[in-house]
Amino acid sequence: MKVAVFSTKPYDRTYLTNSNTTHELTFFEPRLTIHTAPLADGHDAVCPFVNDELDSEVLTRLAYGGVELIALRSAGYNHVDIRAATDLGLTVARVPAYSPHAVAEHTVALILGLNRKLYRAYNRVRDGNFALNGLLGFDLHGKVVGIIGTGKIGSVTAEVLRGFGCELIGYDPYPNDYFAELGTYVDLPELFRRSAVISLHAPLNPDTYHTIDEEAISQMKDGVMLINTSRGALIDTVAVIEGLKSGKIGSVGLDVYEEEGDLFFEDLSGEVITDDVFARLLTFPNVLITGHQAFFTEEALQNIADTTMENITEYEDTGTVTNIVSLEFARS
């Protein structure tokens, strides 16, 4: 099959090329938008990433150009209009599990970095400042950590944190036995009220949009640590900023951001960031942001590439794919 790969970086080319055996891959650096969709004309499939646009307009243009398959390089599909894809006869495939350990370990890295002020300590020592004022942390041992979303990533995060001696509580509309062995399921108000650290691992859908908003923050413990390595729109960023200003939120660690599409995965070091909300976040000394890199390990990239190419091959051979995102699946 002829495949147009969008939002490609050098590492995407390397891993996808190494995993490919029979398909013709064309790599495009730009994001997939309505303006770049014509680049896919004549291709059988497109292979987009998390910040590519796959709304009804883009999908219609892709179908017009001959595309049949949307082979996502991600587990999430919130950026795809599944109803429009279904109506257009497009098949959408995803990578359901590439490396839950990669994201879980990055989550814990954010917790530790924030708690022990590692980013501030690093810069101080480089300046010859060895004073400890302002670097005080707390023992994770014995602290209550709330996990919102206890699927594969949330459960692995809980498993890692259990090694620190944390008390784990979780919320998920679909409980699973594995997390139940690690911690206790509670409702959201109780999770907000009891947790010293709250970590988000839920998919983004209409039910989870702005799970963390002004009302949720008002229910939290003073000085709570908030971590998000899932999807940016799970958090109302303006509400979080107000929580930081009031001191209700003690610290925030983010690997995702609601409006990250024009920021993340690009080198903007020589440009002015025009997103005022994001710029405001960067002014807080108790906020640690990474640029959607939680997934970024050798193992995860290899698994993403392998599964993506397997999805494309399966579609070519059978006309369908095991890892399909159907309208029924998206509703579940």
C-alpha atoms as a PDB file:
ATOM      1  CA  MET A   1       0.000   0.000   0.000  1.00  0.00           C
ATOM      2  CA  LYS A   2       1.040   3.593  -0.566  1.00  0.00           C
ATOM      3  CA  VAL A   3       1.120   5.348   2.802  1.00  0.00           C
ATOM      4  CA  ALA A   4       1.419   9.086   3.506  1.00  0.00           C
ATOM      5  CA  VAL A   5       3.045   9.570   6.908  1.00  0.00           C
ATOM      6  CA  PHE A   6       2.413  12.986   8.475  1.00  0.00           C
ATOM      7  CA  SER A   7       4.112  14.845  11.352  1.00  0.00           C
ATOM      8  CA  THR A   8       7.280  12.844  10.835  1.00  0.00           C
ATOM      9  CA  LYS A   9      10.528  13.379  12.683  1.00  0.00           C
ATOM     10  CA  PRO A  10      13.832  11.566  12.068  1.00  0.00           C
ATOM     11  CA  TYR A  11      12.982   8.920  14.678  1.00  0.00           C
ATOM     12  CA  ASP A  12       9.639   8.202  12.971  1.00  0.00           C
ATOM     13  CA  ARG A  13      11.404   7.598   9.674  1.00  0.00           C
ATOM     14  CA  THR A  14      13.928   5.283  11.317  1.00  0.00           C
ATOM     15  CA  TYR A  15      11.515   3.068  13.222  1.00  0.00           C
ATOM     16  CA  LEU A  16       8.776   2.915  10.578  1.00  0.00           C
ATOM     17  CA  THR A  17      11.283   2.178   7.823  1.00  0.00           C
ATOM     18  CA  ASN A  18      12.870  -0.606   9.881  1.00  0.00           C
ATOM     19  CA  SER A  19       9.448  -2.153  10.574  1.00  0.00           C
ATOM     20  CA  ASN A  20       8.249  -1.868   6.975  1.00  0.00           C
ATOM     21  CA  THR A  21       8.600  -4.786   4.590  1.00  0.00           C
ATOM     22  CA  THR A  22       6.193  -4.294   1.690  1.00  0.00           C
ATOM     23  CA  HIS A  23       4.590  -0.854   1.767  1.00  0.00           C
ATOM     24  CA  GLU A  24       5.584   2.371   0.024  1.00  0.00           C
ATOM     25  CA  LEU A  25       6.013   5.046   2.684  1.00  0.00           C
ATOM     26  CA  THR A  26       6.107   8.757   1.878  1.00  0.00           C
ATOM     27  CA  PHE A  27       7.171  10.930   4.810  1.00  0.00           C
ATOM     28  CA  PHE A  28       5.836  14.458   5.283  1.00  0.00           C
ATOM     29  CA  GLU A  29       7.110  16.726   8.047  1.00  0.00           C
ATOM     30  CA  PRO A  30       4.022  19.004   8.255  1.00  0.00           C
ATOM     31  CA  ARG A  31       1.032  18.216  10.407  1.00  0.00           C
ATOM     32  CA  LEU A  32      -2.028  16.867   8.668  1.00  0.00           C
ATOM     33  CA  THR A  33      -4.536  19.700   8.245  1.00  0.00           C
ATOM     34  CA  ILE A  34      -7.016  20.708   5.581  1.00  0.00           C
ATOM     35  CA  HIS A  35      -4.165  22.612   3.909  1.00  0.00           C
ATOM     36  CA  THR A  36      -1.773  19.630   3.801  1.00  0.00           C
ATOM     37  CA  ALA A  37      -4.369  16.908   3.122  1.00  0.00           C
ATOM     38  CA  PRO A  38      -3.824  17.130  -0.686  1.00  0.00           C
ATOM     39  CA  LEU A  39      -0.317  15.721  -0.100  1.00  0.00           C
ATOM     40  CA  ALA A  40      -2.038  12.379   0.522  1.00  0.00           C
ATOM     41  CA  ASP A  41      -3.676  12.274  -2.926  1.00  0.00           C
ATOM     42  CA  GLY A  42      -2.923   8.968  -4.615  1.00  0.00           C
ATOM     43  CA  HIS A  43      -2.111   7.188  -1.366  1.00  0.00           C
ATOM     44  CA  ASP A  44      -4.120   4.274   0.018  1.00  0.00           C
ATOM     45  CA  ALA A  45      -3.539   5.205   3.645  1.00  0.00           C
ATOM     46  CA  VAL A  46      -2.430   8.037   5.873  1.00  0.00           C
ATOM     47  CA  CYS A  47      -0.438   7.567   9.045  1.00  0.00           C
ATOM     48  CA  PRO A  48      -1.045  10.519  11.403  1.00  0.00           C
ATOM     49  CA  PHE A  49       0.131  11.334  14.930  1.00  0.00           C
ATOM     50  CA  VAL A  50      -1.625  12.796  17.980  1.00  0.00           C
ATOM     51  CA  ASN A  51      -1.743  16.468  16.939  1.00  0.00           C
ATOM     52  CA  ASP A  52      -2.801  15.916  13.345  1.00  0.00           C
ATOM     53  CA  GLU A  53      -6.280  17.118  12.434  1.00  0.00           C
ATOM     54  CA  LEU A  54      -8.768  14.493  11.327  1.00  0.00           C
ATOM     55  CA  ASP A  55     -12.079  16.313  11.473  1.00  0.00           C
ATOM     56  CA  SER A  56     -14.901  15.846   8.989  1.00  0.00           C
ATOM     57  CA  GLU A  57     -13.441  18.336   6.503  1.00  0.00           C
ATOM     58  CA  VAL A  58      -9.998  16.736   6.466  1.00  0.00           C
ATOM     59  CA  LEU A  59     -11.404  13.203   6.283  1.00  0.00           C
ATOM     60  CA  THR A  60     -13.625  14.177   3.361  1.00  0.00           C
ATOM     61  CA  ARG A  61     -10.620  15.591   1.517  1.00  0.00           C
ATOM     62  CA  LEU A  62      -8.583  12.456   2.226  1.00  0.00           C
ATOM     63  CA  ALA A  63     -11.352  10.199   0.937  1.00  0.00           C
ATOM     64  CA  TYR A  64     -11.639  12.356  -2.189  1.00  0.00           C
ATOM     65  CA  GLY A  65      -7.926  11.766  -2.799  1.00  0.00           C
ATOM     66  CA  GLY A  66      -8.308   7.983  -2.597  1.00  0.00           C
ATOM     67  CA  VAL A  67      -7.383   7.274   1.036  1.00  0.00           C
ATOM     68  CA  GLU A  68      -9.073   4.204   2.537  1.00  0.00           C
ATOM     69  CA  LEU A  69      -7.206   3.658   5.816  1.00  0.00           C
ATOM     70  CA  ILE A  70      -6.307   5.971   8.706  1.00  0.00           C
ATOM     71  CA  ALA A  71      -3.439   4.172  10.470  1.00  0.00           C
ATOM     72  CA  LEU A  72      -2.929   6.091  13.709  1.00  0.00           C
ATOM     73  CA  ARG A  73       0.454   6.051  15.432  1.00  0.00           C
ATOM     74  CA  SER A  74      -1.250   6.414  18.802  1.00  0.00           C
ATOM     75  CA  ALA A  75      -3.620   4.718  21.195  1.00  0.00           C
ATOM     76  CA  GLY A  76      -5.805   7.809  21.513  1.00  0.00           C
ATOM     77  CA  TYR A  77      -8.246   8.749  18.770  1.00  0.00           C
ATOM     78  CA  ASN A  78      -9.926  11.847  20.201  1.00  0.00           C
ATOM     79  CA  HIS A  79      -8.552  13.877  17.270  1.00  0.00           C
ATOM     80  CA  VAL A  80     -10.504  11.752  14.766  1.00  0.00           C
ATOM     81  CA  ASP A  81     -14.143  12.312  13.846  1.00  0.00           C
ATOM     82  CA  ILE A  82     -15.087   8.625  13.951  1.00  0.00           C
ATOM     83  CA  ARG A  83     -18.663   9.229  12.780  1.00  0.00           C
ATOM     84  CA  ALA A  84     -17.428  11.119   9.724  1.00  0.00           C
ATOM     85  CA  ALA A  85     -14.872   8.400   8.995  1.00  0.00           C
ATOM     86  CA  THR A  86     -17.596   5.763   9.211  1.00  0.00           C
ATOM     87  CA  ASP A  87     -19.913   7.701   6.912  1.00  0.00           C
ATOM     88  CA  LEU A  88     -17.085   8.109   4.403  1.00  0.00           C
ATOM     89  CA  GLY A  89     -16.211   4.407   4.479  1.00  0.00           C
ATOM     90  CA  LEU A  90     -12.775   5.039   5.986  1.00  0.00           C
ATOM     91  CA  THR A  91     -11.228   2.453   8.294  1.00  0.00           C
ATOM     92  CA  VAL A  92      -9.495   3.835  11.390  1.00  0.00           C
ATOM     93  CA  ALA A  93      -6.858   1.710  13.135  1.00  0.00           C
ATOM     94  CA  ARG A  94      -4.907   2.523  16.300  1.00  0.00           C
ATOM     95  CA  VAL A  95      -2.003   1.233  18.382  1.00  0.00           C
ATOM     96  CA  PRO A  96      -3.826   0.104  21.524  1.00  0.00           C
ATOM     97  CA  ALA A  97      -0.800  -0.557  23.730  1.00  0.00           C
ATOM     98  CA  TYR A  98       2.732   0.473  22.829  1.00  0.00           C
ATOM     99  CA  SER A  99       4.428   0.725  26.237  1.00  0.00           C
ATOM    100  CA  PRO A 100       2.432   1.516  29.374  1.00  0.00           C
ATOM    101  CA  HIS A 101       5.724   1.378  31.283  1.00  0.00           C
ATOM    102  CA  ALA A 102       7.124   4.303  29.260  1.00  0.00           C
ATOM    103  CA  VAL A 103       4.279   6.648  30.237  1.00  0.00           C
ATOM    104  CA  ALA A 104       4.032   5.331  33.797  1.00  0.00           C
ATOM    105  CA  GLU A 105       7.746   5.822  34.429  1.00  0.00           C
ATOM    106  CA  HIS A 106       7.631   9.354  33.022  1.00  0.00           C
ATOM    107  CA  THR A 107       4.678  10.078  35.291  1.00  0.00           C
ATOM    108  CA  VAL A 108       6.700   9.060  38.328  1.00  0.00           C
ATOM    109  CA  ALA A 109       9.658  11.073  37.034  1.00  0.00           C
ATOM    110  CA  LEU A 110       7.456  14.179  37.009  1.00  0.00           C
ATOM    111  CA  ILE A 111       6.263  13.431  40.545  1.00  0.00           C
ATOM    112  CA  LEU A 112       9.815  13.006  41.826  1.00  0.00           C
ATOM    113  CA  GLY A 113      11.165  15.980  39.881  1.00  0.00           C
ATOM    114  CA  LEU A 114       8.465  18.275  41.247  1.00  0.00           C
ATOM    115  CA  ASN A 115       8.577  16.973  44.796  1.00  0.00           C
ATOM    116  CA  ARG A 116      12.354  17.155  45.205  1.00  0.00           C
ATOM    117  CA  LYS A 117      12.708  20.291  43.017  1.00  0.00           C
ATOM    118  CA  LEU A 118      15.303  18.567  40.836  1.00  0.00           C
ATOM    119  CA  TYR A 119      14.984  21.091  37.993  1.00  0.00           C
ATOM    120  CA  ARG A 120      15.631  23.987  40.388  1.00  0.00           C
ATOM    121  CA  ALA A 121      18.468  22.167  42.166  1.00  0.00           C
ATOM    122  CA  TYR A 122      20.165  21.374  38.857  1.00  0.00           C
ATOM    123  CA  ASN A 123      20.218  25.017  37.799  1.00  0.00           C
ATOM    124  CA  ARG A 124      21.368  26.192  41.221  1.00  0.00           C
ATOM    125  CA  VAL A 125      24.316  23.825  41.364  1.00  0.00           C
ATOM    126  CA  ARG A 126      25.424  24.849  37.878  1.00  0.00           C
ATOM    127  CA  ASP A 127      25.510  28.431  39.195  1.00  0.00           C
ATOM    128  CA  GLY A 128      27.524  27.380  42.228  1.00  0.00           C
ATOM    129  CA  ASN A 129      24.550  27.785  44.578  1.00  0.00           C
ATOM    130  CA  PHE A 130      24.357  24.877  47.029  1.00  0.00           C
ATOM    131  CA  ALA A 131      21.790  26.368  49.406  1.00  0.00           C
ATOM    132  CA  LEU A 132      18.815  24.128  50.240  1.00  0.00           C
ATOM    133  CA  ASN A 133      16.264  26.858  50.920  1.00  0.00           C
ATOM    134  CA  GLY A 134      13.227  26.383  48.701  1.00  0.00           C
ATOM    135  CA  LEU A 135      14.030  22.763  47.849  1.00  0.00           C
ATOM    136  CA  LEU A 136      12.058  21.073  50.627  1.00  0.00           C
ATOM    137  CA  GLY A 137      10.073  18.021  49.538  1.00  0.00           C
ATOM    138  CA  PHE A 138       8.057  15.314  51.253  1.00  0.00           C
ATOM    139  CA  ASP A 139       8.241  11.533  51.624  1.00  0.00           C
ATOM    140  CA  LEU A 140       6.125   9.765  49.041  1.00  0.00           C
ATOM    141  CA  HIS A 141       5.979   6.808  51.417  1.00  0.00           C
ATOM    142  CA  GLY A 142       2.589   6.738  53.081  1.00  0.00           C
ATOM    143  CA  LYS A 143       1.063   9.453  50.900  1.00  0.00           C
ATOM    144  CA  VAL A 144      -2.312   8.935  49.225  1.00  0.00           C
ATOM    145  CA  VAL A 145      -2.059   8.992  45.426  1.00  0.00           C
ATOM    146  CA  GLY A 146      -5.231   9.212  43.363  1.00  0.00           C
ATOM    147  CA  ILE A 147      -5.225   7.598  39.920  1.00  0.00           C
ATOM    148  CA  ILE A 148      -7.956   8.784  37.542  1.00  0.00           C
ATOM    149  CA  GLY A 149      -8.176   6.161  34.811  1.00  0.00           C
ATOM    150  CA  THR A 150      -6.959   2.709  35.826  1.00  0.00           C
ATOM    151  CA  GLY A 151      -6.383   1.091  32.453  1.00  0.00           C
ATOM    152  CA  LYS A 152      -2.997  -0.286  31.463  1.00  0.00           C
ATOM    153  CA  ILE A 153      -1.022   2.929  32.003  1.00  0.00           C
ATOM    154  CA  GLY A 154      -2.855   3.928  35.171  1.00  0.00           C
ATOM    155  CA  SER A 155      -2.424   0.478  36.664  1.00  0.00           C
ATOM    156  CA  VAL A 156       1.303   0.311  35.829  1.00  0.00           C
ATOM    157  CA  THR A 157       1.716   3.769  37.387  1.00  0.00           C
ATOM    158  CA  ALA A 158      -0.013   2.458  40.505  1.00  0.00           C
ATOM    159  CA  GLU A 159       2.277  -0.565  40.530  1.00  0.00           C
ATOM    160  CA  VAL A 160       5.379   1.642  40.408  1.00  0.00           C
ATOM    161  CA  LEU A 161       4.064   3.944  43.134  1.00  0.00           C
ATOM    162  CA  ARG A 162       3.243   1.000  45.363  1.00  0.00           C
ATOM    163  CA  GLY A 163       6.978   0.389  45.445  1.00  0.00           C
ATOM    164  CA  PHE A 164       7.345   3.781  47.144  1.00  0.00           C
ATOM    165  CA  GLY A 165       4.864   2.730  49.796  1.00  0.00           C
ATOM    166  CA  CYS A 166       2.041   4.987  48.600  1.00  0.00           C
ATOM    167  CA  GLU A 167      -1.581   4.372  49.489  1.00  0.00           C
ATOM    168  CA  LEU A 168      -3.381   4.077  46.160  1.00  0.00           C
ATOM    169  CA  ILE A 169      -6.962   5.066  45.416  1.00  0.00           C
ATOM    170  CA  GLY A 170      -8.487   5.107  41.956  1.00  0.00           C
ATOM    171  CA  TYR A 171     -11.469   6.184  39.944  1.00  0.00           C
ATOM    172  CA  ASP A 172     -12.627   4.579  36.717  1.00  0.00           C
ATOM    173  CA  PRO A 173     -16.137   3.924  35.375  1.00  0.00           C
ATOM    174  CA  TYR A 174     -14.771   0.535  34.272  1.00  0.00           C
ATOM    175  CA  PRO A 175     -12.932  -0.946  37.300  1.00  0.00           C
ATOM    176  CA  ASN A 176     -10.477  -3.785  36.781  1.00  0.00           C
ATOM    177  CA  ASP A 177      -9.259  -6.529  39.080  1.00  0.00           C
ATOM    178  CA  TYR A 178      -5.575  -5.690  38.637  1.00  0.00           C
ATOM    179  CA  PHE A 179      -5.857  -2.189  40.086  1.00  0.00           C
ATOM    180  CA  ALA A 180      -8.161  -3.526  42.803  1.00  0.00           C
ATOM    181  CA  GLU A 181      -5.230  -5.666  44.007  1.00  0.00           C
ATOM    182  CA  LEU A 182      -3.046  -2.547  44.259  1.00  0.00           C
ATOM    183  CA  GLY A 183      -5.462  -0.021  45.692  1.00  0.00           C
ATOM    184  CA  THR A 184      -9.058   0.908  46.389  1.00  0.00           C
ATOM    185  CA  TYR A 185     -11.712   2.323  44.069  1.00  0.00           C
ATOM    186  CA  VAL A 186     -13.481   5.464  45.271  1.00  0.00           C
ATOM    187  CA  ASP A 187     -15.693   8.103  43.705  1.00  0.00           C
ATOM    188  CA  LEU A 188     -14.174  11.319  42.336  1.00  0.00           C
ATOM    189  CA  PRO A 189     -15.116  13.587  45.274  1.00  0.00           C
ATOM    190  CA  GLU A 190     -13.394  11.229  47.713  1.00  0.00           C
ATOM    191  CA  LEU A 191     -10.351  10.955  45.446  1.00  0.00           C
ATOM    192  CA  PHE A 192     -10.096  14.748  45.253  1.00  0.00           C
ATOM    193  CA  ARG A 193     -10.534  15.121  49.006  1.00  0.00           C
ATOM    194  CA  ARG A 194      -7.973  12.524  50.109  1.00  0.00           C
ATOM    195  CA  SER A 195      -5.178  12.624  47.531  1.00  0.00           C
ATOM    196  CA  ALA A 196      -1.839  14.347  48.080  1.00  0.00           C
ATOM    197  CA  VAL A 197      -1.000  13.541  44.444  1.00  0.00           C
ATOM    198  CA  ILE A 198      -3.504  13.149  41.606  1.00  0.00           C
ATOM    199  CA  SER A 199      -2.392  11.557  38.327  1.00  0.00           C
ATOM    200  CA  LEU A 200      -4.539  11.524  35.184  1.00  0.00           C
ATOM    201  CA  HIS A 201      -4.571   8.479  32.891  1.00  0.00           C
ATOM    202  CA  ALA A 202      -7.993   8.690  31.266  1.00  0.00           C
ATOM    203  CA  PRO A 203      -8.896   8.883  27.575  1.00  0.00           C
ATOM    204  CA  LEU A 204     -10.310  12.140  26.264  1.00  0.00           C
ATOM    205  CA  ASN A 205     -13.993  12.025  25.416  1.00  0.00           C
ATOM    206  CA  PRO A 206     -17.055  14.172  26.163  1.00  0.00           C
ATOM    207  CA  ASP A 207     -17.362  12.587  29.615  1.00  0.00           C
ATOM    208  CA  THR A 208     -13.742  13.274  30.628  1.00  0.00           C
ATOM    209  CA  TYR A 209     -13.311  16.724  29.064  1.00  0.00           C
ATOM    210  CA  HIS A 210     -12.117  19.139  31.786  1.00  0.00           C
ATOM    211  CA  THR A 211     -12.336  16.506  34.504  1.00  0.00           C
ATOM    212  CA  ILE A 212     -10.141  18.912  36.454  1.00  0.00           C
ATOM    213  CA  ASP A 213     -12.065  22.173  36.521  1.00  0.00           C
ATOM    214  CA  GLU A 214     -12.765  24.888  39.079  1.00  0.00           C
ATOM    215  CA  GLU A 215     -15.296  22.767  40.970  1.00  0.00           C
ATOM    216  CA  ALA A 216     -12.976  19.745  41.110  1.00  0.00           C
ATOM    217  CA  ILE A 217     -10.056  21.848  42.317  1.00  0.00           C
ATOM    218  CA  SER A 218     -12.193  23.314  45.112  1.00  0.00           C
ATOM    219  CA  GLN A 219     -12.677  19.779  46.482  1.00  0.00           C
ATOM    220  CA  MET A 220      -8.946  18.977  46.603  1.00  0.00           C
ATOM    221  CA  LYS A 221      -6.573  19.056  49.528  1.00  0.00           C
ATOM    222  CA  ASP A 222      -4.590  22.255  49.924  1.00  0.00           C
ATOM    223  CA  GLY A 223      -1.203  21.900  48.260  1.00  0.00           C
ATOM    224  CA  VAL A 224      -2.191  18.960  46.057  1.00  0.00           C
ATOM    225  CA  MET A 225       0.201  17.847  43.305  1.00  0.00           C
ATOM    226  CA  LEU A 226      -1.478  17.435  39.915  1.00  0.00           C
ATOM    227  CA  ILE A 227       0.058  15.301  37.144  1.00  0.00           C
ATOM    228  CA  ASN A 228      -1.206  14.841  33.571  1.00  0.00           C
ATOM    229  CA  THR A 229       0.507  12.540  31.077  1.00  0.00           C
ATOM    230  CA  SER A 230      -2.688  11.587  29.251  1.00  0.00           C
ATOM    231  CA  ARG A 231      -4.539  14.229  27.213  1.00  0.00           C
ATOM    232  CA  GLY A 232      -4.310  17.977  27.711  1.00  0.00           C
ATOM    233  CA  ALA A 233      -8.039  18.693  27.614  1.00  0.00           C
ATOM    234  CA  LEU A 234      -8.648  16.594  30.723  1.00  0.00           C
ATOM    235  CA  ILE A 235      -7.595  19.778  32.515  1.00  0.00           C
ATOM    236  CA  ASP A 236      -9.101  23.252  32.404  1.00  0.00           C
ATOM    237  CA  THR A 237      -5.781  25.081  32.280  1.00  0.00           C
ATOM    238  CA  VAL A 238      -7.195  28.466  33.273  1.00  0.00           C
ATOM    239  CA  ALA A 239      -8.764  26.901  36.372  1.00  0.00           C
ATOM    240  CA  VAL A 240      -5.452  25.235  37.228  1.00  0.00           C
ATOM    241  CA  ILE A 241      -3.637  28.566  36.935  1.00  0.00           C
ATOM    242  CA  GLU A 242      -6.102  30.087  39.389  1.00  0.00           C
ATOM    243  CA  GLY A 243      -5.502  27.138  41.706  1.00  0.00           C
ATOM    244  CA  LEU A 244      -1.760  27.708  41.510  1.00  0.00           C
ATOM    245  CA  LYS A 245      -2.158  31.427  42.225  1.00  0.00           C
ATOM    246  CA  SER A 246      -4.309  30.775  45.289  1.00  0.00           C
ATOM    247  CA  GLY A 247      -2.019  28.035  46.601  1.00  0.00           C
ATOM    248  CA  LYS A 248      -4.775  25.415  46.461  1.00  0.00           C
ATOM    249  CA  ILE A 249      -2.619  23.521  43.977  1.00  0.00           C
ATOM    250  CA  GLY A 250       0.896  23.035  45.308  1.00  0.00           C
ATOM    251  CA  SER A 251       2.538  21.877  42.088  1.00  0.00           C
ATOM    252  CA  VAL A 252       1.711  20.733  38.558  1.00  0.00           C
ATOM    253  CA  GLY A 253       3.495  18.339  36.217  1.00  0.00           C
ATOM    254  CA  LEU A 254       2.331  18.238  32.603  1.00  0.00           C
ATOM    255  CA  ASP A 255       3.443  16.249  29.594  1.00  0.00           C
ATOM    256  CA  VAL A 256       0.390  17.343  27.604  1.00  0.00           C
ATOM    257  CA  TYR A 257      -1.433  20.614  27.070  1.00  0.00           C
ATOM    258  CA  GLU A 258      -4.886  21.367  25.706  1.00  0.00           C
ATOM    259  CA  GLU A 259      -3.617  23.622  22.908  1.00  0.00           C
ATOM    260  CA  GLU A 260      -0.320  21.829  22.302  1.00  0.00           C
ATOM    261  CA  GLY A 261      -0.851  21.337  18.569  1.00  0.00           C
ATOM    262  CA  ASP A 262       1.000  24.510  17.604  1.00  0.00           C
ATOM    263  CA  LEU A 263       3.736  24.054  20.211  1.00  0.00           C
ATOM    264  CA  PHE A 264       4.874  20.527  20.939  1.00  0.00           C
ATOM    265  CA  PHE A 265       7.279  18.510  18.772  1.00  0.00           C
ATOM    266  CA  GLU A 266       8.739  21.698  17.273  1.00  0.00           C
ATOM    267  CA  ASP A 267      11.816  23.804  18.076  1.00  0.00           C
ATOM    268  CA  LEU A 268      10.395  27.239  18.918  1.00  0.00           C
ATOM    269  CA  SER A 269      13.406  28.433  20.896  1.00  0.00           C
ATOM    270  CA  GLY A 270      13.927  31.365  18.539  1.00  0.00           C
ATOM    271  CA  GLU A 271      10.300  32.457  18.484  1.00  0.00           C
ATOM    272  CA  VAL A 272       7.889  34.237  20.785  1.00  0.00           C
ATOM    273  CA  ILE A 273       5.250  31.945  22.285  1.00  0.00           C
ATOM    274  CA  THR A 274       1.947  33.651  21.558  1.00  0.00           C
ATOM    275  CA  ASP A 275      -0.196  31.307  23.666  1.00  0.00           C
ATOM    276  CA  ASP A 276      -0.742  33.509  26.728  1.00  0.00           C
ATOM    277  CA  VAL A 277      -2.165  30.702  28.864  1.00  0.00           C
ATOM    278  CA  PHE A 278       0.831  28.447  28.229  1.00  0.00           C
ATOM    279  CA  ALA A 279       3.230  31.364  28.753  1.00  0.00           C
ATOM    280  CA  ARG A 280       1.575  32.025  32.119  1.00  0.00           C
ATOM    281  CA  LEU A 281       2.101  28.411  33.138  1.00  0.00           C
ATOM    282  CA  LEU A 282       5.804  28.738  32.422  1.00  0.00           C
ATOM    283  CA  THR A 283       6.132  31.567  34.961  1.00  0.00           C
ATOM    284  CA  PHE A 284       5.347  29.356  37.953  1.00  0.00           C
ATOM    285  CA  PRO A 285       8.345  27.880  39.794  1.00  0.00           C
ATOM    286  CA  ASN A 286       6.235  24.912  40.904  1.00  0.00           C
ATOM    287  CA  VAL A 287       5.192  23.845  37.398  1.00  0.00           C
ATOM    288  CA  LEU A 288       7.187  21.276  35.417  1.00  0.00           C
ATOM    289  CA  ILE A 289       6.282  20.797  31.743  1.00  0.00           C
ATOM    290  CA  THR A 290       7.673  18.326  29.226  1.00  0.00           C
ATOM    291  CA  GLY A 291       6.694  18.352  25.556  1.00  0.00           C
ATOM    292  CA  HIS A 292       4.603  15.185  25.155  1.00  0.00           C
ATOM    293  CA  GLN A 293       7.605  12.907  25.608  1.00  0.00           C
ATOM    294  CA  ALA A 294       6.203  10.369  28.075  1.00  0.00           C
ATOM    295  CA  PHE A 295       5.840   7.808  25.268  1.00  0.00           C
ATOM    296  CA  PHE A 296       9.338   8.495  23.952  1.00  0.00           C
ATOM    297  CA  THR A 297      11.370   5.360  24.649  1.00  0.00           C
ATOM    298  CA  GLU A 298      13.102   2.957  22.297  1.00  0.00           C
ATOM    299  CA  GLU A 299      10.689   0.191  23.215  1.00  0.00           C
ATOM    300  CA  ALA A 300       7.593   2.322  22.691  1.00  0.00           C
ATOM    301  CA  LEU A 301       8.731   3.655  19.300  1.00  0.00           C
ATOM    302  CA  GLN A 302       9.501   0.122  18.141  1.00  0.00           C
ATOM    303  CA  ASN A 303       6.115  -1.161  19.301  1.00  0.00           C
ATOM    304  CA  ILE A 304       4.312   1.767  17.658  1.00  0.00           C
ATOM    305  CA  ALA A 305       6.090   1.163  14.364  1.00  0.00           C
ATOM    306  CA  ASP A 306       5.554  -2.599  14.432  1.00  0.00           C
ATOM    307  CA  THR A 307       1.853  -2.385  15.263  1.00  0.00           C
ATOM    308  CA  THR A 308       1.247   0.397  12.736  1.00  0.00           C
ATOM    309  CA  MET A 309       2.787  -1.607   9.921  1.00  0.00           C
ATOM    310  CA  GLU A 310       0.921  -4.736  11.041  1.00  0.00           C
ATOM    311  CA  ASN A 311      -2.351  -2.786  10.930  1.00  0.00           C
ATOM    312  CA  ILE A 312      -1.628  -1.622   7.380  1.00  0.00           C
ATOM    313  CA  THR A 313      -0.668  -5.120   6.210  1.00  0.00           C
ATOM    314  CA  GLU A 314      -3.751  -6.670   7.812  1.00  0.00           C
ATOM    315  CA  TYR A 315      -5.993  -4.129   6.103  1.00  0.00           C
ATOM    316  CA  GLU A 316      -4.332  -4.773   2.744  1.00  0.00           C
ATOM    317  CA  ASP A 317      -4.788  -8.540   3.146  1.00  0.00           C
ATOM    318  CA  THR A 318      -8.286  -8.661   4.650  1.00  0.00           C
ATOM    319  CA  GLY A 319      -9.971  -5.292   4.147  1.00  0.00           C
ATOM    320  CA  THR A 320     -10.305  -4.815   7.888  1.00  0.00           C
ATOM    321  CA  VAL A 321      -8.076  -4.618  10.961  1.00  0.00           C
ATOM    322  CA  THR A 322      -8.112  -6.087  14.458  1.00  0.00           C
ATOM    323  CA  ASN A 323      -7.258  -2.745  16.077  1.00  0.00           C
ATOM    324  CA  ILE A 324     -10.130  -0.925  14.393  1.00  0.00           C
ATOM    325  CA  VAL A 325     -11.765   2.119  15.951  1.00  0.00           C
ATOM    326  CA  SER A 326     -15.392   1.722  14.955  1.00  0.00           C
ATOM    327  CA  LEU A 327     -18.279   3.986  15.885  1.00  0.00           C
ATOM    328  CA  GLU A 328     -19.450   1.355  18.379  1.00  0.00           C
ATOM    329  CA  PHE A 329     -15.959   1.092  19.869  1.00  0.00           C
ATOM    330  CA  ALA A 330     -15.675   4.852  20.244  1.00  0.00           C
ATOM    331  CA  ARG A 331     -18.982   4.969  22.106  1.00  0.00           C
ATOM    332  CA  SER A 332     -17.944   2.263  24.584  1.00  0.00           C
END
